[in-house]
Amino acid sequence: MGCSYIINEIARRHGVSPEEVRAEMESAIRQGFHSQEAGAREAWAEIAPDGVQPAPEELIFRLSRAISVAKDKYGAGQVILSG
């Protein structure tokens, strides 16, 4: 399942265009990426260690990979996302 499929499925479920979904994701990423909250800054340092704001597709990929690694390390039933 690719990022385009995920974005298209979100758009379909919400009755909007994929472009609208992507624009909303970009806005949310931008807001989070520039947050001054300590927890947000720590999370973004892990998500984007290069300090470059990721595109929606790149963020989906990175988060999916982090979840996969955590599942392998802790077991499928033990992965808990904070937030």
Protein backbone atom coordinates (compact mmCIF):
# COMPACT_ATOMS: atom_id res chain seq x y z
CA MET A 1 0.00 0.00 0.00
CA GLY A 2 1.63 3.22 -1.15
CA CYS A 3 1.32 6.79 0.02
CA SER A 4 -0.78 7.77 -2.99
CA TYR A 5 -3.28 5.04 -2.10
CA ILE A 6 -3.46 6.30 1.50
CA ILE A 7 -4.01 9.91 0.46
CA ASN A 8 -6.58 8.89 -2.17
CA GLU A 9 -8.44 6.73 0.35
CA ILE A 10 -8.56 9.55 2.90
CA ALA A 11 -9.90 11.86 0.18
CA ARG A 12 -12.54 9.34 -0.86
CA ARG A 13 -13.71 8.77 2.71
CA HIS A 14 -14.03 12.50 3.35
CA GLY A 15 -15.46 13.47 -0.02
CA VAL A 16 -12.62 15.80 -0.96
CA SER A 17 -9.86 15.77 -3.56
CA PRO A 18 -6.45 14.19 -2.94
CA GLU A 19 -4.96 17.64 -3.47
CA GLU A 20 -7.08 18.99 -0.63
CA VAL A 21 -5.94 16.16 1.65
CA ARG A 22 -2.31 16.79 0.74
CA ALA A 23 -2.69 20.56 1.37
CA GLU A 24 -4.23 19.90 4.79
CA MET A 25 -1.45 17.46 5.62
CA GLU A 26 1.19 20.00 4.55
CA SER A 27 -0.43 22.62 6.78
CA ALA A 28 -0.53 20.27 9.78
CA ILE A 29 3.07 19.16 9.19
CA ARG A 30 4.22 22.78 8.91
CA GLN A 31 2.42 23.71 12.15
CA GLY A 32 3.87 20.74 14.03
CA PHE A 33 7.34 21.10 12.55
CA HIS A 34 7.57 24.73 13.71
CA SER A 35 6.04 24.13 17.15
CA GLN A 36 8.02 25.41 20.10
CA GLU A 37 6.62 22.78 22.48
CA ALA A 38 9.38 20.57 23.89
CA GLY A 39 7.59 17.29 23.14
CA ALA A 40 6.90 18.31 19.57
CA ARG A 41 10.50 19.40 19.03
CA GLU A 42 11.77 16.06 20.37
CA ALA A 43 9.39 14.11 18.13
CA TRP A 44 10.35 16.10 15.03
CA ALA A 45 14.05 15.65 15.83
CA GLU A 46 13.46 11.90 15.52
CA ILE A 47 11.12 12.12 12.53
CA ALA A 48 13.27 14.57 10.56
CA PRO A 49 16.81 14.42 11.97
CA ASP A 50 18.09 16.34 8.95
CA GLY A 51 16.00 19.34 10.03
CA VAL A 52 14.10 19.41 6.74
CA GLN A 53 10.31 19.49 6.86
CA PRO A 54 9.08 16.31 5.16
CA ALA A 55 6.43 16.18 2.45
CA PRO A 56 3.24 14.30 3.39
CA GLU A 57 4.33 11.20 1.48
CA GLU A 58 7.73 11.20 3.19
CA LEU A 59 6.12 11.61 6.62
CA ILE A 60 3.76 8.69 5.95
CA PHE A 61 6.74 6.57 4.91
CA ARG A 62 8.86 7.54 7.94
CA LEU A 63 6.04 6.99 10.45
CA SER A 64 5.09 3.67 8.84
CA ARG A 65 8.68 2.53 9.08
CA ALA A 66 8.97 3.63 12.72
CA ILE A 67 5.80 1.69 13.58
CA SER A 68 7.10 -1.38 11.76
CA VAL A 69 10.41 -1.24 13.63
CA ALA A 70 8.59 -0.83 16.96
CA LYS A 71 6.32 -3.78 16.16
CA ASP A 72 9.36 -5.93 15.39
CA LYS A 73 11.09 -4.81 18.58
CA TYR A 74 8.17 -4.88 21.04
CA GLY A 75 5.56 -7.09 19.38
CA ALA A 76 2.44 -6.09 17.50
CA GLY A 77 0.30 -5.81 20.64
CA GLN A 78 2.79 -3.55 22.43
CA VAL A 79 3.08 -0.61 20.03
CA ILE A 80 1.44 2.41 21.60
CA LEU A 81 1.59 5.84 20.03
CA SER A 82 1.46 8.76 22.42
CA GLY A 83 -0.47 11.86 21.60
